[in-house]
Amino acid sequence: MIATRNDRLIAVLRNLDDDAYVKNRISQYEALKNNKGICVAKQIVLAKILGQNQVLRKYGLRQLDVIRIKAKMNEMDGNLNHVRKKLRVIKARAGKHYFQEVFKLFDKRVRPEEAKSKRSNR
């Protein structure tokens, strides 16, 4: 492994005889061809939203409409890139809603205005 001084991973060196990566990549391509990849991506986004709703429910905050989100996801089909973009939008909107609600639990003096993404910290 090659990392920066701050232990940020830059690269992983592998033995030339190690073909596990190739097998993994072939499986990923097969999943794209038979749409399993899209199904998995939808399930990951949905699971994240359901987890966020559990936290919101626990604290009596306004939850997302999971039935409407599921319906939107079920309507998605076609081009993988198009579906990925739509899923990213759903995930981003859900995250924004989640943090807006969770921040209501903070005292106004220390309440953040918005959540910062990993990308905005760079």
N, C-alpha and C. Protein backbone atom coordinates (compact mmCIF):
# COMPACT_ATOMS: atom_id res chain seq x y z
N MET A 1 0.84 -1.17 0.00
CA MET A 1 0.00 0.00 0.00
C MET A 1 0.89 1.24 0.00
N ILE A 2 0.46 2.22 -0.75
CA ILE A 2 1.17 3.50 -0.78
C ILE A 2 0.20 4.54 -0.26
N ALA A 3 0.66 5.30 0.76
CA ALA A 3 -0.20 6.28 1.40
C ALA A 3 0.56 7.59 1.60
N THR A 4 -0.21 8.67 1.81
CA THR A 4 0.38 9.96 2.11
C THR A 4 0.84 9.98 3.56
N ARG A 5 1.45 11.06 3.97
CA ARG A 5 1.87 11.20 5.38
C ARG A 5 0.69 11.17 6.34
N ASN A 6 -0.48 11.57 5.83
CA ASN A 6 -1.70 11.58 6.65
C ASN A 6 -2.46 10.26 6.55
N ASP A 7 -1.79 9.24 6.05
CA ASP A 7 -2.38 7.90 5.90
C ASP A 7 -3.55 7.85 4.93
N ARG A 8 -3.57 8.75 3.96
CA ARG A 8 -4.58 8.70 2.90
C ARG A 8 -4.07 7.75 1.82
N LEU A 9 -4.85 6.72 1.52
CA LEU A 9 -4.44 5.69 0.57
C LEU A 9 -4.35 6.27 -0.84
N ILE A 10 -3.22 6.03 -1.49
CA ILE A 10 -3.00 6.50 -2.86
C ILE A 10 -3.09 5.33 -3.83
N ALA A 11 -2.45 4.21 -3.50
CA ALA A 11 -2.42 3.08 -4.42
C ALA A 11 -2.20 1.78 -3.64
N VAL A 12 -2.58 0.71 -4.29
CA VAL A 12 -2.34 -0.64 -3.74
C VAL A 12 -1.60 -1.41 -4.82
N LEU A 13 -0.44 -1.91 -4.49
CA LEU A 13 0.34 -2.70 -5.42
C LEU A 13 0.00 -4.17 -5.23
N ARG A 14 -0.19 -4.87 -6.32
CA ARG A 14 -0.55 -6.29 -6.26
C ARG A 14 0.44 -7.11 -7.07
N ASN A 15 0.52 -8.36 -6.70
CA ASN A 15 1.34 -9.30 -7.43
C ASN A 15 0.73 -9.49 -8.82
N LEU A 16 1.56 -9.61 -9.84
CA LEU A 16 1.04 -9.79 -11.20
C LEU A 16 0.22 -11.06 -11.35
N ASP A 17 0.47 -12.06 -10.51
CA ASP A 17 -0.29 -13.30 -10.58
C ASP A 17 -1.65 -13.20 -9.87
N ASP A 18 -1.89 -12.11 -9.17
CA ASP A 18 -3.14 -11.94 -8.43
C ASP A 18 -4.22 -11.48 -9.40
N ASP A 19 -5.15 -12.39 -9.74
CA ASP A 19 -6.20 -12.04 -10.69
C ASP A 19 -7.55 -11.84 -9.99
N ALA A 20 -7.56 -11.72 -8.67
CA ALA A 20 -8.80 -11.52 -7.94
C ALA A 20 -9.49 -10.23 -8.41
N TYR A 21 -8.71 -9.21 -8.67
CA TYR A 21 -9.27 -7.94 -9.13
C TYR A 21 -9.98 -8.13 -10.47
N VAL A 22 -9.38 -8.89 -11.36
CA VAL A 22 -9.96 -9.12 -12.68
C VAL A 22 -11.29 -9.87 -12.54
N LYS A 23 -11.30 -10.89 -11.71
CA LYS A 23 -12.54 -11.65 -11.49
C LYS A 23 -13.63 -10.75 -10.92
N ASN A 24 -13.23 -9.91 -9.99
CA ASN A 24 -14.17 -8.98 -9.38
C ASN A 24 -14.73 -8.02 -10.43
N ARG A 25 -13.86 -7.47 -11.26
CA ARG A 25 -14.29 -6.53 -12.30
C ARG A 25 -15.21 -7.20 -13.31
N ILE A 26 -14.92 -8.44 -13.69
CA ILE A 26 -15.78 -9.18 -14.62
C ILE A 26 -17.17 -9.36 -14.01
N SER A 27 -17.22 -9.70 -12.73
CA SER A 27 -18.51 -9.85 -12.05
C SER A 27 -19.28 -8.54 -12.04
N GLN A 28 -18.56 -7.43 -11.86
CA GLN A 28 -19.23 -6.13 -11.88
C GLN A 28 -19.83 -5.84 -13.25
N TYR A 29 -19.09 -6.13 -14.31
CA TYR A 29 -19.62 -5.92 -15.66
C TYR A 29 -20.82 -6.80 -15.93
N GLU A 30 -20.78 -8.04 -15.47
CA GLU A 30 -21.92 -8.94 -15.66
C GLU A 30 -23.15 -8.41 -14.93
N ALA A 31 -22.93 -7.86 -13.72
CA ALA A 31 -24.04 -7.29 -12.96
C ALA A 31 -24.64 -6.09 -13.68
N LEU A 32 -23.83 -5.35 -14.39
CA LEU A 32 -24.35 -4.22 -15.16
C LEU A 32 -25.18 -4.71 -16.34
N LYS A 33 -24.73 -5.77 -17.00
CA LYS A 33 -25.44 -6.28 -18.17
C LYS A 33 -26.81 -6.84 -17.80
N ASN A 34 -26.90 -7.52 -16.65
CA ASN A 34 -28.18 -8.14 -16.30
C ASN A 34 -29.00 -7.31 -15.30
N ASN A 35 -28.61 -6.05 -15.11
CA ASN A 35 -29.33 -5.08 -14.27
C ASN A 35 -29.29 -5.37 -12.77
N LYS A 36 -28.52 -6.36 -12.35
CA LYS A 36 -28.38 -6.59 -10.91
C LYS A 36 -27.70 -5.40 -10.24
N GLY A 37 -26.77 -4.76 -10.95
CA GLY A 37 -26.06 -3.61 -10.41
C GLY A 37 -27.01 -2.48 -10.07
N ILE A 38 -27.98 -2.24 -10.95
CA ILE A 38 -28.96 -1.19 -10.71
C ILE A 38 -29.83 -1.55 -9.50
N CYS A 39 -30.23 -2.81 -9.41
CA CYS A 39 -31.05 -3.25 -8.27
C CYS A 39 -30.29 -3.08 -6.95
N VAL A 40 -29.01 -3.44 -6.96
CA VAL A 40 -28.20 -3.30 -5.75
C VAL A 40 -28.06 -1.83 -5.37
N ALA A 41 -27.80 -0.98 -6.35
CA ALA A 41 -27.66 0.45 -6.08
C ALA A 41 -28.95 1.02 -5.48
N LYS A 42 -30.09 0.63 -6.02
CA LYS A 42 -31.38 1.09 -5.49
C LYS A 42 -31.56 0.63 -4.05
N GLN A 43 -31.19 -0.62 -3.78
CA GLN A 43 -31.35 -1.15 -2.42
C GLN A 43 -30.43 -0.44 -1.42
N ILE A 44 -29.24 -0.09 -1.85
CA ILE A 44 -28.32 0.62 -0.97
C ILE A 44 -28.88 2.00 -0.60
N VAL A 45 -29.36 2.72 -1.61
CA VAL A 45 -29.93 4.05 -1.37
C VAL A 45 -31.16 3.93 -0.47
N LEU A 46 -32.02 2.98 -0.76
CA LEU A 46 -33.24 2.79 0.04
C LEU A 46 -32.90 2.43 1.48
N ALA A 47 -31.92 1.56 1.67
CA ALA A 47 -31.52 1.17 3.04
C ALA A 47 -30.99 2.37 3.82
N LYS A 48 -30.25 3.23 3.15
CA LYS A 48 -29.73 4.43 3.82
C LYS A 48 -30.89 5.33 4.25
N ILE A 49 -31.85 5.51 3.37
CA ILE A 49 -33.00 6.37 3.69
C ILE A 49 -33.82 5.76 4.82
N LEU A 50 -34.01 4.45 4.81
CA LEU A 50 -34.75 3.79 5.88
C LEU A 50 -34.03 3.96 7.22
N GLY A 51 -32.71 3.87 7.21
CA GLY A 51 -31.93 4.09 8.42
C GLY A 51 -32.07 5.51 8.93
N GLN A 52 -32.04 6.46 8.01
CA GLN A 52 -32.22 7.86 8.40
C GLN A 52 -33.61 8.07 9.00
N ASN A 53 -34.62 7.44 8.40
CA ASN A 53 -35.97 7.57 8.93
C ASN A 53 -36.10 6.99 10.33
N GLN A 54 -35.36 5.93 10.62
CA GLN A 54 -35.40 5.37 11.97
C GLN A 54 -34.92 6.37 13.00
N VAL A 55 -33.85 7.08 12.67
CA VAL A 55 -33.33 8.11 13.59
C VAL A 55 -34.35 9.23 13.73
N LEU A 56 -34.91 9.68 12.62
CA LEU A 56 -35.89 10.76 12.66
C LEU A 56 -37.12 10.36 13.48
N ARG A 57 -37.58 9.13 13.30
CA ARG A 57 -38.73 8.62 14.05
C ARG A 57 -38.42 8.60 15.54
N LYS A 58 -37.23 8.15 15.89
CA LYS A 58 -36.83 8.04 17.31
C LYS A 58 -36.92 9.39 18.01
N TYR A 59 -36.60 10.46 17.30
CA TYR A 59 -36.60 11.79 17.92
C TYR A 59 -37.84 12.61 17.57
N GLY A 60 -38.84 11.98 16.96
CA GLY A 60 -40.09 12.66 16.67
C GLY A 60 -39.98 13.72 15.59
N LEU A 61 -39.06 13.52 14.67
CA LEU A 61 -38.85 14.49 13.59
C LEU A 61 -39.56 14.03 12.32
N ARG A 62 -39.73 14.94 11.38
CA ARG A 62 -40.45 14.65 10.13
C ARG A 62 -39.64 13.69 9.27
N GLN A 63 -40.27 12.57 8.90
CA GLN A 63 -39.60 11.53 8.11
C GLN A 63 -39.84 11.74 6.62
N LEU A 64 -39.02 11.09 5.85
CA LEU A 64 -39.21 11.09 4.39
C LEU A 64 -40.32 10.12 4.02
N ASP A 65 -40.97 10.39 2.91
CA ASP A 65 -42.04 9.54 2.39
C ASP A 65 -41.40 8.38 1.61
N VAL A 66 -41.17 7.27 2.28
CA VAL A 66 -40.48 6.13 1.68
C VAL A 66 -41.32 5.51 0.55
N ILE A 67 -42.62 5.52 0.69
CA ILE A 67 -43.48 4.94 -0.35
C ILE A 67 -43.30 5.71 -1.66
N ARG A 68 -43.27 7.03 -1.57
CA ARG A 68 -43.07 7.86 -2.77
C ARG A 68 -41.69 7.63 -3.37
N ILE A 69 -40.68 7.51 -2.51
CA ILE A 69 -39.30 7.29 -2.98
C ILE A 69 -39.20 5.93 -3.67
N LYS A 70 -39.81 4.90 -3.07
CA LYS A 70 -39.80 3.57 -3.69
C LYS A 70 -40.47 3.61 -5.06
N ALA A 71 -41.58 4.34 -5.16
CA ALA A 71 -42.29 4.44 -6.44
C ALA A 71 -41.40 5.10 -7.49
N LYS A 72 -40.68 6.17 -7.09
CA LYS A 72 -39.75 6.83 -8.03
C LYS A 72 -38.67 5.86 -8.48
N MET A 73 -38.14 5.09 -7.53
CA MET A 73 -37.09 4.13 -7.87
C MET A 73 -37.60 3.04 -8.80
N ASN A 74 -38.80 2.59 -8.58
CA ASN A 74 -39.37 1.54 -9.44
C ASN A 74 -39.61 2.03 -10.86
N GLU A 75 -39.83 3.33 -11.01
CA GLU A 75 -40.04 3.90 -12.35
C GLU A 75 -38.73 4.03 -13.13
N MET A 76 -37.60 4.00 -12.42
CA MET A 76 -36.30 4.19 -13.07
C MET A 76 -35.93 2.95 -13.88
N ASP A 77 -35.54 3.19 -15.10
CA ASP A 77 -35.01 2.11 -15.92
C ASP A 77 -34.20 2.74 -17.05
N GLY A 78 -33.59 1.89 -17.82
CA GLY A 78 -32.85 2.39 -18.96
C GLY A 78 -31.37 2.52 -18.70
N ASN A 79 -30.80 3.56 -19.25
CA ASN A 79 -29.37 3.83 -19.21
C ASN A 79 -28.84 3.86 -17.78
N LEU A 80 -27.77 3.11 -17.55
CA LEU A 80 -27.19 3.03 -16.21
C LEU A 80 -26.77 4.39 -15.69
N ASN A 81 -26.13 5.20 -16.51
CA ASN A 81 -25.68 6.52 -16.07
C ASN A 81 -26.86 7.40 -15.68
N HIS A 82 -27.95 7.29 -16.43
CA HIS A 82 -29.15 8.06 -16.12
C HIS A 82 -29.73 7.64 -14.76
N VAL A 83 -29.79 6.34 -14.52
CA VAL A 83 -30.30 5.83 -13.24
C VAL A 83 -29.39 6.25 -12.10
N ARG A 84 -28.07 6.17 -12.30
CA ARG A 84 -27.13 6.58 -11.26
C ARG A 84 -27.32 8.05 -10.89
N LYS A 85 -27.50 8.89 -11.89
CA LYS A 85 -27.71 10.32 -11.62
C LYS A 85 -28.98 10.54 -10.81
N LYS A 86 -30.04 9.85 -11.20
CA LYS A 86 -31.31 9.98 -10.47
C LYS A 86 -31.18 9.48 -9.03
N LEU A 87 -30.46 8.37 -8.84
CA LEU A 87 -30.26 7.85 -7.49
C LEU A 87 -29.44 8.82 -6.64
N ARG A 88 -28.43 9.44 -7.25
CA ARG A 88 -27.63 10.42 -6.52
C ARG A 88 -28.47 11.60 -6.08
N VAL A 89 -29.39 12.04 -6.94
CA VAL A 89 -30.27 13.15 -6.59
C VAL A 89 -31.17 12.76 -5.42
N ILE A 90 -31.76 11.58 -5.48
CA ILE A 90 -32.62 11.11 -4.39
C ILE A 90 -31.83 11.03 -3.09
N LYS A 91 -30.64 10.45 -3.16
CA LYS A 91 -29.79 10.31 -1.96
C LYS A 91 -29.41 11.67 -1.40
N ALA A 92 -29.06 12.61 -2.27
CA ALA A 92 -28.67 13.95 -1.82
C ALA A 92 -29.84 14.68 -1.17
N ARG A 93 -31.00 14.60 -1.77
CA ARG A 93 -32.18 15.26 -1.20
C ARG A 93 -32.56 14.64 0.15
N ALA A 94 -32.46 13.32 0.22
CA ALA A 94 -32.77 12.64 1.48
C ALA A 94 -31.78 13.07 2.56
N GLY A 95 -30.51 13.14 2.20
CA GLY A 95 -29.49 13.57 3.17
C GLY A 95 -29.71 14.99 3.63
N LYS A 96 -30.07 15.87 2.71
CA LYS A 96 -30.33 17.27 3.06
C LYS A 96 -31.50 17.36 4.03
N HIS A 97 -32.57 16.63 3.73
CA HIS A 97 -33.74 16.61 4.62
C HIS A 97 -33.36 16.07 5.99
N TYR A 98 -32.62 14.97 5.99
CA TYR A 98 -32.21 14.33 7.24
C TYR A 98 -31.45 15.32 8.13
N PHE A 99 -30.44 15.98 7.57
CA PHE A 99 -29.64 16.88 8.39
C PHE A 99 -30.42 18.11 8.81
N GLN A 100 -31.31 18.61 7.96
CA GLN A 100 -32.15 19.74 8.37
C GLN A 100 -32.98 19.37 9.60
N GLU A 101 -33.50 18.16 9.60
CA GLU A 101 -34.31 17.70 10.74
C GLU A 101 -33.44 17.45 11.98
N VAL A 102 -32.32 16.76 11.80
CA VAL A 102 -31.46 16.44 12.93
C VAL A 102 -30.90 17.70 13.58
N PHE A 103 -30.57 18.70 12.76
CA PHE A 103 -30.01 19.94 13.31
C PHE A 103 -31.01 20.66 14.21
N LYS A 104 -32.29 20.36 14.07
CA LYS A 104 -33.30 20.96 14.95
C LYS A 104 -33.11 20.51 16.40
N LEU A 105 -32.42 19.40 16.58
CA LEU A 105 -32.17 18.90 17.94
C LEU A 105 -31.07 19.69 18.66
N PHE A 106 -30.26 20.43 17.89
CA PHE A 106 -29.16 21.20 18.47
C PHE A 106 -29.68 22.51 19.06
N ASP A 107 -29.03 22.97 20.09
CA ASP A 107 -29.30 24.29 20.64
C ASP A 107 -29.01 25.32 19.54
N LYS A 108 -29.82 26.37 19.45
CA LYS A 108 -29.65 27.35 18.37
C LYS A 108 -28.26 27.98 18.36
N ARG A 109 -27.63 28.07 19.52
CA ARG A 109 -26.30 28.71 19.59
C ARG A 109 -25.22 27.87 18.93
N VAL A 110 -25.41 26.57 18.86
CA VAL A 110 -24.38 25.70 18.26
C VAL A 110 -24.88 24.96 17.02
N ARG A 111 -26.07 25.27 16.60
CA ARG A 111 -26.68 24.57 15.46
C ARG A 111 -25.96 24.91 14.15
N PRO A 112 -25.49 23.89 13.43
CA PRO A 112 -24.90 24.16 12.11
C PRO A 112 -25.98 24.63 11.13
N GLU A 113 -25.59 25.46 10.18
CA GLU A 113 -26.56 25.90 9.18
C GLU A 113 -26.83 24.81 8.15
N GLU A 114 -25.78 24.06 7.82
CA GLU A 114 -25.94 22.98 6.84
C GLU A 114 -24.81 21.97 7.04
N ALA A 115 -25.04 20.79 6.51
CA ALA A 115 -24.01 19.75 6.57
C ALA A 115 -23.01 19.99 5.46
N LYS A 116 -21.75 19.76 5.75
CA LYS A 116 -20.73 19.88 4.72
C LYS A 116 -20.42 18.50 4.18
N SER A 117 -20.32 18.42 2.87
CA SER A 117 -20.00 17.14 2.24
C SER A 117 -18.50 16.91 2.31
N LYS A 118 -18.09 15.70 2.05
CA LYS A 118 -16.66 15.37 2.02
C LYS A 118 -15.96 16.20 0.97
N ARG A 119 -16.63 16.42 -0.15
CA ARG A 119 -16.02 17.19 -1.25
C ARG A 119 -15.84 18.66 -0.89
N SER A 120 -16.74 19.22 -0.10
CA SER A 120 -16.63 20.64 0.22
C SER A 120 -15.52 20.91 1.24
N ASN A 121 -15.03 19.86 1.89
CA ASN A 121 -13.96 20.02 2.88
C ASN A 121 -12.58 20.10 2.24
N ARG A 122 -12.48 19.81 0.97
CA ARG A 122 -11.18 19.78 0.31
C ARG A 122 -10.74 21.15 -0.09
